[in-house]
Amino acid sequence: MWNDQPDQLADKQIQQIISFAGEGKLADDSATSKEFRDFLQLVTSDFLNKYVNEPIPEI
């Protein structure tokens, strides 16, 4: 989604991004974790800086 429509995700919080990935819940070796890691590799450092200060949802 980041490659196709980055402006759709630009204003989303990290919890919202995670909910879009896989089953929507982070867990070890889950599809959500893999998709979220893939997403983090694509975003710019500006977005990473934004996400650093946001709380990560409970697993």
C-alpha atoms as a PDB file:
ATOM      1  CA  MET A   1       0.000   0.000   0.000  1.00  0.00           C
ATOM      2  CA  TRP A   2       2.895   2.386   0.742  1.00  0.00           C
ATOM      3  CA  ASN A   3       4.209   2.059  -2.805  1.00  0.00           C
ATOM      4  CA  ASP A   4       0.805   2.568  -4.404  1.00  0.00           C
ATOM      5  CA  GLN A   5      -0.795   5.173  -2.138  1.00  0.00           C
ATOM      6  CA  PRO A   6       1.682   6.718   0.310  1.00  0.00           C
ATOM      7  CA  ASP A   7      -0.530   9.764   0.865  1.00  0.00           C
ATOM      8  CA  GLN A   8      -3.256   7.452   2.214  1.00  0.00           C
ATOM      9  CA  LEU A   9      -0.937   6.315   5.006  1.00  0.00           C
ATOM     10  CA  ALA A  10       0.897   9.568   5.705  1.00  0.00           C
ATOM     11  CA  ASP A  11      -1.505  10.772   8.384  1.00  0.00           C
ATOM     12  CA  LYS A  12      -2.068   7.383  10.033  1.00  0.00           C
ATOM     13  CA  GLN A  13      -0.730   6.460  13.452  1.00  0.00           C
ATOM     14  CA  ILE A  14       1.417   3.375  13.879  1.00  0.00           C
ATOM     15  CA  GLN A  15      -1.439   1.438  15.477  1.00  0.00           C
ATOM     16  CA  GLN A  16      -3.574   2.101  12.395  1.00  0.00           C
ATOM     17  CA  ILE A  17      -0.770   0.931  10.092  1.00  0.00           C
ATOM     18  CA  ILE A  18      -0.439  -2.292  12.073  1.00  0.00           C
ATOM     19  CA  SER A  19      -4.184  -2.895  11.877  1.00  0.00           C
ATOM     20  CA  PHE A  20      -3.949  -2.816   8.064  1.00  0.00           C
ATOM     21  CA  ALA A  21      -1.224  -5.503   8.009  1.00  0.00           C
ATOM     22  CA  GLY A  22      -1.956  -9.234   8.120  1.00  0.00           C
ATOM     23  CA  GLU A  23      -4.453 -10.086  10.851  1.00  0.00           C
ATOM     24  CA  GLY A  24      -3.964  -6.679  12.456  1.00  0.00           C
ATOM     25  CA  LYS A  25      -2.225  -7.892  15.625  1.00  0.00           C
ATOM     26  CA  LEU A  26       1.507  -8.101  16.201  1.00  0.00           C
ATOM     27  CA  ALA A  27       2.759 -11.523  17.252  1.00  0.00           C
ATOM     28  CA  ASP A  28       6.008 -13.395  16.744  1.00  0.00           C
ATOM     29  CA  ASP A  29       6.331 -14.829  13.241  1.00  0.00           C
ATOM     30  CA  SER A  30       2.883 -13.580  12.201  1.00  0.00           C
ATOM     31  CA  ALA A  31       1.889 -12.200   8.822  1.00  0.00           C
ATOM     32  CA  THR A  32       1.226  -8.879  10.536  1.00  0.00           C
ATOM     33  CA  SER A  33       4.771  -8.700  11.884  1.00  0.00           C
ATOM     34  CA  LYS A  34       6.264  -9.528   8.498  1.00  0.00           C
ATOM     35  CA  GLU A  35       4.120  -6.989   6.645  1.00  0.00           C
ATOM     36  CA  PHE A  36       4.838  -4.324   9.250  1.00  0.00           C
ATOM     37  CA  ARG A  37       8.603  -4.936   8.993  1.00  0.00           C
ATOM     38  CA  ASP A  38       8.336  -4.716   5.204  1.00  0.00           C
ATOM     39  CA  PHE A  39       6.459  -1.433   5.562  1.00  0.00           C
ATOM     40  CA  LEU A  40       9.110   0.006   7.895  1.00  0.00           C
ATOM     41  CA  GLN A  41      11.796  -0.754   5.313  1.00  0.00           C
ATOM     42  CA  LEU A  42       9.942   1.342   2.730  1.00  0.00           C
ATOM     43  CA  VAL A  43       9.032   4.478   4.657  1.00  0.00           C
ATOM     44  CA  THR A  44      11.258   7.521   4.869  1.00  0.00           C
ATOM     45  CA  SER A  45      13.209   8.478   7.965  1.00  0.00           C
ATOM     46  CA  ASP A  46      10.709  11.297   8.573  1.00  0.00           C
ATOM     47  CA  PHE A  47       7.967   8.732   9.094  1.00  0.00           C
ATOM     48  CA  LEU A  48      10.200   6.567  11.258  1.00  0.00           C
ATOM     49  CA  ASN A  49      10.906   9.557  13.476  1.00  0.00           C
ATOM     50  CA  LYS A  50       7.167  10.183  13.768  1.00  0.00           C
ATOM     51  CA  TYR A  51       6.492   6.566  14.731  1.00  0.00           C
ATOM     52  CA  VAL A  52       9.276   6.410  17.337  1.00  0.00           C
ATOM     53  CA  ASN A  53       7.283   8.565  19.724  1.00  0.00           C
ATOM     54  CA  GLU A  54       3.979   6.749  19.280  1.00  0.00           C
ATOM     55  CA  PRO A  55       2.960   3.933  21.641  1.00  0.00           C
ATOM     56  CA  ILE A  56       3.054   0.435  20.176  1.00  0.00           C
ATOM     57  CA  PRO A  57      -0.161  -1.526  20.710  1.00  0.00           C
ATOM     58  CA  GLU A  58      -0.143  -4.462  23.068  1.00  0.00           C
ATOM     59  CA  ILE A  59       0.473  -7.872  21.606  1.00  0.00           C
END
